[in-house]
Protein backbone atom coordinates (compact mmCIF):
# COMPACT_ATOMS: atom_id res chain seq x y z
CA MET A 1 14.49 29.27 -5.95
CA GLY A 2 12.95 26.76 -8.84
CA ARG A 3 11.62 23.06 -8.02
CA ILE A 4 14.79 21.37 -10.12
CA LEU A 5 16.96 23.88 -8.83
CA ASP A 6 15.67 22.16 -4.94
CA ILE A 7 15.47 19.22 -6.32
CA ALA A 8 19.33 19.35 -8.11
CA SER A 9 20.82 20.96 -4.95
CA SER A 10 19.27 18.62 -2.73
CA ARG A 11 20.83 15.35 -4.98
CA TYR A 12 24.08 13.49 -3.73
CA SER A 13 25.71 10.20 -3.86
CA CYS A 14 24.01 8.05 -1.10
CA ARG A 15 26.35 5.49 0.40
CA GLY A 16 24.29 4.39 3.21
CA TYR A 17 20.59 2.82 2.62
CA LEU A 18 18.16 1.65 5.10
CA ASP A 19 16.52 -2.22 5.01
CA LYS A 20 13.42 -1.04 3.14
CA PRO A 21 12.13 -1.99 -0.44
CA VAL A 22 11.08 0.91 -2.77
CA GLU A 23 7.71 1.16 -3.55
CA GLU A 24 6.36 -0.11 -6.88
CA GLU A 25 4.73 2.91 -7.38
CA LYS A 26 7.83 4.71 -7.22
CA VAL A 27 9.82 2.49 -9.35
CA ALA A 28 7.23 3.03 -12.28
CA TYR A 29 7.78 6.75 -11.40
CA LEU A 30 11.65 6.38 -11.75
CA LYS A 31 10.92 4.24 -15.42
CA GLU A 32 8.69 6.87 -16.70
CA CYS A 33 11.56 9.71 -15.96
CA MET A 34 14.11 7.54 -17.58
CA ARG A 35 11.86 6.70 -20.47
CA LEU A 36 11.03 10.00 -21.27
CA ALA A 37 14.66 11.45 -21.30
CA PRO A 38 15.75 13.16 -24.90
CA SER A 39 18.54 11.18 -26.99
CA ALA A 40 20.34 11.94 -29.61
CA VAL A 41 18.19 11.45 -33.07
CA ASN A 42 15.85 10.10 -30.36
CA ARG A 43 17.62 6.75 -30.86
CA GLN A 44 17.31 5.55 -27.41
CA PRO A 45 20.40 3.79 -27.60
CA TRP A 46 19.75 2.27 -23.70
CA ARG A 47 18.42 -0.48 -22.00
CA PHE A 48 17.37 -0.28 -18.01
CA ARG A 49 17.29 -3.64 -16.07
CA ILE A 50 15.91 -3.15 -12.96
CA VAL A 51 17.97 -5.51 -10.40
CA ARG A 52 16.01 -6.28 -6.97
CA SER A 53 15.52 -9.79 -6.80
CA SER A 54 18.20 -11.32 -4.64
CA GLU A 55 20.00 -13.34 -7.27
CA GLY A 56 20.22 -10.36 -9.23
CA ARG A 57 21.04 -8.17 -6.47
CA ALA A 58 24.18 -10.73 -6.12
CA LYS A 59 25.17 -10.74 -9.45
CA LEU A 60 25.86 -6.70 -9.34
CA GLN A 61 27.28 -7.35 -5.85
CA SER A 62 30.35 -9.50 -7.05
CA CYS A 63 30.92 -7.28 -9.26
CA TYR A 64 31.28 -3.80 -7.38
CA ALA A 65 32.69 -5.04 -3.66
CA ARG A 66 31.28 -2.67 -1.30
CA PRO A 67 29.55 -2.76 1.90
CA TRP A 68 27.40 0.41 1.52
CA PHE A 69 26.47 -0.73 -2.07
CA ASN A 70 24.89 -4.44 -0.54
CA GLU A 71 22.53 -2.63 1.46
CA ALA A 72 20.79 -1.60 -1.68
CA PRO A 73 17.09 -2.60 -2.14
CA LEU A 74 17.11 -2.03 -5.63
CA TYR A 75 19.52 -1.20 -8.31
CA ILE A 76 19.30 0.09 -11.68
CA LEU A 77 21.74 -1.21 -14.27
CA ALA A 78 22.11 1.13 -17.47
CA THR A 79 23.42 -0.59 -20.75
CA LEU A 80 24.36 1.11 -23.89
CA LEU A 81 23.27 -0.67 -27.37
CA HIS A 82 26.20 0.34 -29.54
CA GLY A 83 24.17 -0.69 -32.59
CA GLU A 84 21.76 2.17 -31.83
CA GLU A 85 23.81 5.28 -30.64
CA TRP A 86 23.77 7.69 -33.29
CA VAL A 87 27.33 8.87 -34.77
CA ARG A 88 28.10 12.38 -35.17
CA ALA A 89 29.33 13.13 -38.92
CA ASP A 90 33.30 13.13 -37.63
CA GLY A 91 32.39 9.85 -36.25
CA LYS A 92 31.80 11.02 -32.17
CA PRO A 93 29.13 8.49 -30.85
CA HIS A 94 26.87 10.06 -28.55
CA GLY A 95 25.48 6.98 -26.82
CA ASN A 96 27.79 7.33 -23.60
CA ILE A 97 26.04 10.69 -23.43
CA ASP A 98 22.68 9.55 -24.04
CA VAL A 99 22.87 7.13 -21.48
CA ALA A 100 24.23 9.55 -18.90
CA ILE A 101 21.01 12.14 -19.63
CA ALA A 102 18.65 9.36 -18.69
CA VAL A 103 20.53 8.33 -15.25
CA GLU A 104 20.92 11.48 -14.51
CA HIS A 105 16.99 12.09 -15.15
CA LEU A 106 16.61 8.61 -12.84
CA CYS A 107 18.92 10.28 -10.19
CA LEU A 108 16.93 13.48 -9.73
CA ALA A 109 13.67 11.67 -9.87
CA ALA A 110 14.87 9.38 -7.00
CA THR A 111 15.57 12.80 -5.16
CA GLU A 112 12.10 13.68 -5.50
CA GLN A 113 10.75 10.65 -4.78
CA GLY A 114 12.73 10.74 -1.29
CA LEU A 115 15.09 8.01 -2.04
CA GLY A 116 18.89 8.16 -2.29
CA SER A 117 20.90 7.12 -5.27
CA CYS A 118 24.47 6.82 -6.19
CA TRP A 119 26.81 6.61 -9.75
CA VAL A 120 28.80 3.95 -9.43
CA CYS A 121 31.04 3.16 -12.93
CA ASN A 122 33.98 1.87 -10.96
CA PHE A 123 32.88 -2.21 -11.40
CA ASP A 124 33.84 -4.75 -12.94
CA ALA A 125 31.89 -4.35 -16.56
CA GLY A 126 33.34 -7.68 -18.03
CA ARG A 127 32.34 -9.85 -14.99
CA CYS A 128 28.55 -7.62 -15.31
CA HIS A 129 28.36 -8.08 -18.99
CA GLU A 130 28.89 -11.99 -18.74
CA LEU A 131 26.40 -12.58 -15.37
CA PHE A 132 23.83 -10.40 -16.83
CA GLY A 133 24.05 -12.82 -20.92
CA LEU A 134 24.22 -9.61 -22.63
CA SER A 135 24.73 -9.71 -26.39
CA GLU A 136 28.20 -8.51 -28.02
CA ASP A 137 26.65 -5.00 -28.76
CA GLU A 138 25.40 -4.30 -25.35
CA GLU A 139 27.22 -2.28 -22.74
CA PRO A 140 26.92 -2.25 -19.04
CA VAL A 141 27.62 1.88 -18.46
CA VAL A 142 26.48 2.25 -14.92
CA ILE A 143 25.01 1.24 -11.63
CA ILE A 144 22.84 3.53 -10.04
CA PRO A 145 21.94 1.89 -6.80
CA ILE A 146 18.52 3.01 -5.01
CA GLY A 147 16.84 3.28 -2.04
CA TYR A 148 16.14 5.29 1.25
CA ALA A 149 18.88 6.86 2.69
CA SER A 150 20.11 5.31 6.58
CA SER A 151 21.47 8.91 7.26
CA ALA A 152 19.51 12.32 6.12
CA ASP A 153 22.70 14.05 6.41
CA ALA A 154 23.83 14.90 3.22
CA PRO A 155 27.20 15.40 2.69
CA PRO A 156 28.32 19.71 1.69
CA LYS A 157 28.54 20.07 -1.46
CA THR A 158 32.21 21.40 -3.13
CA ARG A 159 31.44 22.80 -6.59
CA LYS A 160 33.42 25.32 -8.81
CA ALA A 161 33.30 29.12 -8.74
CA PRO A 162 30.37 30.45 -11.65
CA GLU A 163 33.57 32.43 -12.77
CA GLU A 164 35.63 28.76 -13.35
CA LEU A 165 32.64 27.28 -15.10
CA PHE A 166 30.78 29.55 -17.28
CA LEU A 167 32.05 31.97 -20.07
CA GLU A 168 30.47 34.21 -22.42
CA ALA A 169 31.32 33.93 -26.37
């Protein structure tokens, strides 16, 4: 099994974090992995806010009220800049896809670095937009809590069978 498959297999939605800060060199590594993510026509229509101050953490926690979420020492708020996203000829915008690619780079890199992460999309985006003073063109897409998992036990993965997912054409 290859290294990427190992990382993808061990990544899971972590919902419990230790009270331990994430080292600066690991944060720098995560940032570089996000920066190198591909995007449609290389537009890179994203911004990533690294949130670890008490004030910033409190803002995000007020947008998604879950006890486990409050435990994370670090959050990445990924936003989409609509004016910078590429739009396909039929009108389909690709900004959300681009942000998702960069965020999954983040989550896989976090796993590689021994960190837990979780996609949080069910948050109060309007409140988040207001609290972080985002421009009209900037949309909060996802919050990723990051930290050391409080439990080494990852839940078992359930996935569809390959024959349900892959078709020959």
